[in-house]
C-alpha atoms as a PDB file:
ATOM      1  CA  UNK A   1       0.000   0.000   0.000  1.00  0.00           C
ATOM      2  CA  UNK A   2       1.284   3.440  -0.916  1.00  0.00           C
ATOM      3  CA  UNK A   3       1.792   6.038   1.785  1.00  0.00           C
ATOM      4  CA  UNK A   4       0.505   9.239   0.170  1.00  0.00           C
ATOM      5  CA  UNK A   5       1.044  12.444   2.087  1.00  0.00           C
ATOM      6  CA  UNK A   6      -1.440  15.197   1.366  1.00  0.00           C
ATOM      7  CA  UNK A   7      -0.315  18.661   0.377  1.00  0.00           C
ATOM      8  CA  UNK A   8      -0.021  20.640   3.605  1.00  0.00           C
ATOM      9  CA  UNK A   9      -1.832  23.984   3.745  1.00  0.00           C
ATOM     10  CA  UNK A  10       0.470  26.767   4.895  1.00  0.00           C
ATOM     11  CA  UNK A  11      -0.400  29.915   6.796  1.00  0.00           C
ATOM     12  CA  UNK A  12       2.158  31.838   4.701  1.00  0.00           C
ATOM     13  CA  UNK A  13       2.569  32.217   0.938  1.00  0.00           C
ATOM     14  CA  UNK A  14       5.406  32.779  -1.496  1.00  0.00           C
ATOM     15  CA  UNK A  15       6.782  36.335  -1.492  1.00  0.00           C
ATOM     16  CA  UNK A  16       5.326  37.327   1.889  1.00  0.00           C
ATOM     17  CA  UNK A  17       7.451  38.947   4.588  1.00  0.00           C
ATOM     18  CA  UNK A  18       7.790  36.855   7.752  1.00  0.00           C
ATOM     19  CA  UNK A  19       9.479  37.125  11.146  1.00  0.00           C
ATOM     20  CA  UNK A  20      11.269  34.181  12.792  1.00  0.00           C
ATOM     21  CA  UNK A  21       9.903  33.510  16.305  1.00  0.00           C
ATOM     22  CA  UNK A  22      12.200  30.682  17.461  1.00  0.00           C
ATOM     23  CA  UNK A  23      15.637  29.249  16.799  1.00  0.00           C
ATOM     24  CA  UNK A  24      19.042  30.770  16.179  1.00  0.00           C
ATOM     25  CA  UNK A  25      17.643  33.468  13.845  1.00  0.00           C
ATOM     26  CA  UNK A  26      14.920  34.612  16.266  1.00  0.00           C
ATOM     27  CA  UNK A  27      13.698  38.148  15.556  1.00  0.00           C
ATOM     28  CA  UNK A  28      15.017  38.356  11.981  1.00  0.00           C
ATOM     29  CA  UNK A  29      12.732  39.420   9.135  1.00  0.00           C
ATOM     30  CA  UNK A  30      12.896  38.112   5.559  1.00  0.00           C
ATOM     31  CA  UNK A  31      10.931  37.288   2.421  1.00  0.00           C
ATOM     32  CA  UNK A  32       9.849  33.729   1.520  1.00  0.00           C
ATOM     33  CA  UNK A  33      11.658  32.481  -1.605  1.00  0.00           C
ATOM     34  CA  UNK A  34      10.507  28.841  -1.748  1.00  0.00           C
ATOM     35  CA  UNK A  35       7.883  26.593  -0.113  1.00  0.00           C
ATOM     36  CA  UNK A  36       8.366  22.847   0.429  1.00  0.00           C
ATOM     37  CA  UNK A  37       4.803  21.551   0.953  1.00  0.00           C
ATOM     38  CA  UNK A  38       5.547  17.884   1.693  1.00  0.00           C
ATOM     39  CA  UNK A  39       7.850  18.651   4.617  1.00  0.00           C
ATOM     40  CA  UNK A  40       5.984  21.833   5.741  1.00  0.00           C
ATOM     41  CA  UNK A  41       9.180  23.857   5.430  1.00  0.00           C
ATOM     42  CA  UNK A  42      10.005  27.190   3.831  1.00  0.00           C
ATOM     43  CA  UNK A  43      13.149  28.949   2.646  1.00  0.00           C
ATOM     44  CA  UNK A  44      13.480  32.580   3.735  1.00  0.00           C
ATOM     45  CA  UNK A  45      16.129  34.857   2.246  1.00  0.00           C
ATOM     46  CA  UNK A  46      19.091  35.579   4.578  1.00  0.00           C
ATOM     47  CA  UNK A  47      17.680  33.254   7.286  1.00  0.00           C
ATOM     48  CA  UNK A  48      19.223  29.924   8.429  1.00  0.00           C
ATOM     49  CA  UNK A  49      22.400  30.387   6.387  1.00  0.00           C
ATOM     50  CA  UNK A  50      24.647  27.313   6.144  1.00  0.00           C
ATOM     51  CA  UNK A  51      28.248  27.116   4.906  1.00  0.00           C
ATOM     52  CA  UNK A  52      29.051  24.312   2.458  1.00  0.00           C
ATOM     53  CA  UNK A  53      32.519  23.186   1.405  1.00  0.00           C
ATOM     54  CA  UNK A  54      32.695  21.962  -2.184  1.00  0.00           C
ATOM     55  CA  UNK A  55      35.561  19.644  -3.035  1.00  0.00           C
ATOM     56  CA  UNK A  56      37.591  20.177  -6.216  1.00  0.00           C
ATOM     57  CA  UNK A  57      36.485  17.716  -8.908  1.00  0.00           C
ATOM     58  CA  UNK A  58      39.327  17.970 -11.448  1.00  0.00           C
ATOM     59  CA  UNK A  59      42.407  20.072 -12.086  1.00  0.00           C
ATOM     60  CA  UNK A  60      40.396  22.921 -13.619  1.00  0.00           C
ATOM     61  CA  UNK A  61      37.826  23.178 -10.803  1.00  0.00           C
ATOM     62  CA  UNK A  62      39.009  24.574  -7.504  1.00  0.00           C
ATOM     63  CA  UNK A  63      37.314  23.841  -4.220  1.00  0.00           C
ATOM     64  CA  UNK A  64      34.899  26.475  -2.925  1.00  0.00           C
ATOM     65  CA  UNK A  65      33.192  27.572   0.248  1.00  0.00           C
ATOM     66  CA  UNK A  66      29.630  28.742  -0.430  1.00  0.00           C
ATOM     67  CA  UNK A  67      26.768  29.898   1.783  1.00  0.00           C
ATOM     68  CA  UNK A  68      23.219  28.717   1.096  1.00  0.00           C
ATOM     69  CA  UNK A  69      19.852  29.213   2.780  1.00  0.00           C
ATOM     70  CA  UNK A  70      18.491  26.069   4.405  1.00  0.00           C
ATOM     71  CA  UNK A  71      14.764  25.414   4.991  1.00  0.00           C
ATOM     72  CA  UNK A  72      13.068  26.046   8.350  1.00  0.00           C
ATOM     73  CA  UNK A  73       9.731  24.713   9.566  1.00  0.00           C
ATOM     74  CA  UNK A  74       6.749  26.921   8.814  1.00  0.00           C
ATOM     75  CA  UNK A  75       5.637  26.893  12.471  1.00  0.00           C
ATOM     76  CA  UNK A  76       8.751  28.911  13.391  1.00  0.00           C
ATOM     77  CA  UNK A  77       7.606  32.013  11.475  1.00  0.00           C
ATOM     78  CA  UNK A  78       4.709  34.449  11.652  1.00  0.00           C
ATOM     79  CA  UNK A  79       3.421  36.875   9.059  1.00  0.00           C
ATOM     80  CA  UNK A  80       4.919  40.347   9.355  1.00  0.00           C
ATOM     81  CA  UNK A  81       3.458  43.715   8.347  1.00  0.00           C
ATOM     82  CA  UNK A  82       5.784  45.232   5.728  1.00  0.00           C
ATOM     83  CA  UNK A  83       4.978  48.872   6.529  1.00  0.00           C
ATOM     84  CA  UNK A  84       5.606  48.869  10.281  1.00  0.00           C
ATOM     85  CA  UNK A  85       7.553  45.573  10.550  1.00  0.00           C
ATOM     86  CA  UNK A  86       5.109  44.436  13.253  1.00  0.00           C
ATOM     87  CA  UNK A  87       4.363  40.721  13.529  1.00  0.00           C
ATOM     88  CA  UNK A  88       0.810  39.652  14.397  1.00  0.00           C
ATOM     89  CA  UNK A  89      -0.570  36.213  15.151  1.00  0.00           C
END
């Protein structure tokens, strides 16, 4: 039997401004860039930044250190008013 997960309804939408209410980035404000419905996670610009080390593949490619935005759970953010930057439940 297949285990089908339903598409989770989110309280936030793509492009909205949100404020992080818990975790290491608590209090930061950013705009939603991507929504991952199956895992109920979102990617917010300049929030939950992770450093990745990329190994050199061949002689022409050098190794790199890049920073990327990792997803956070949608329950950790609330919608934020863009004019006054006030977050309401």
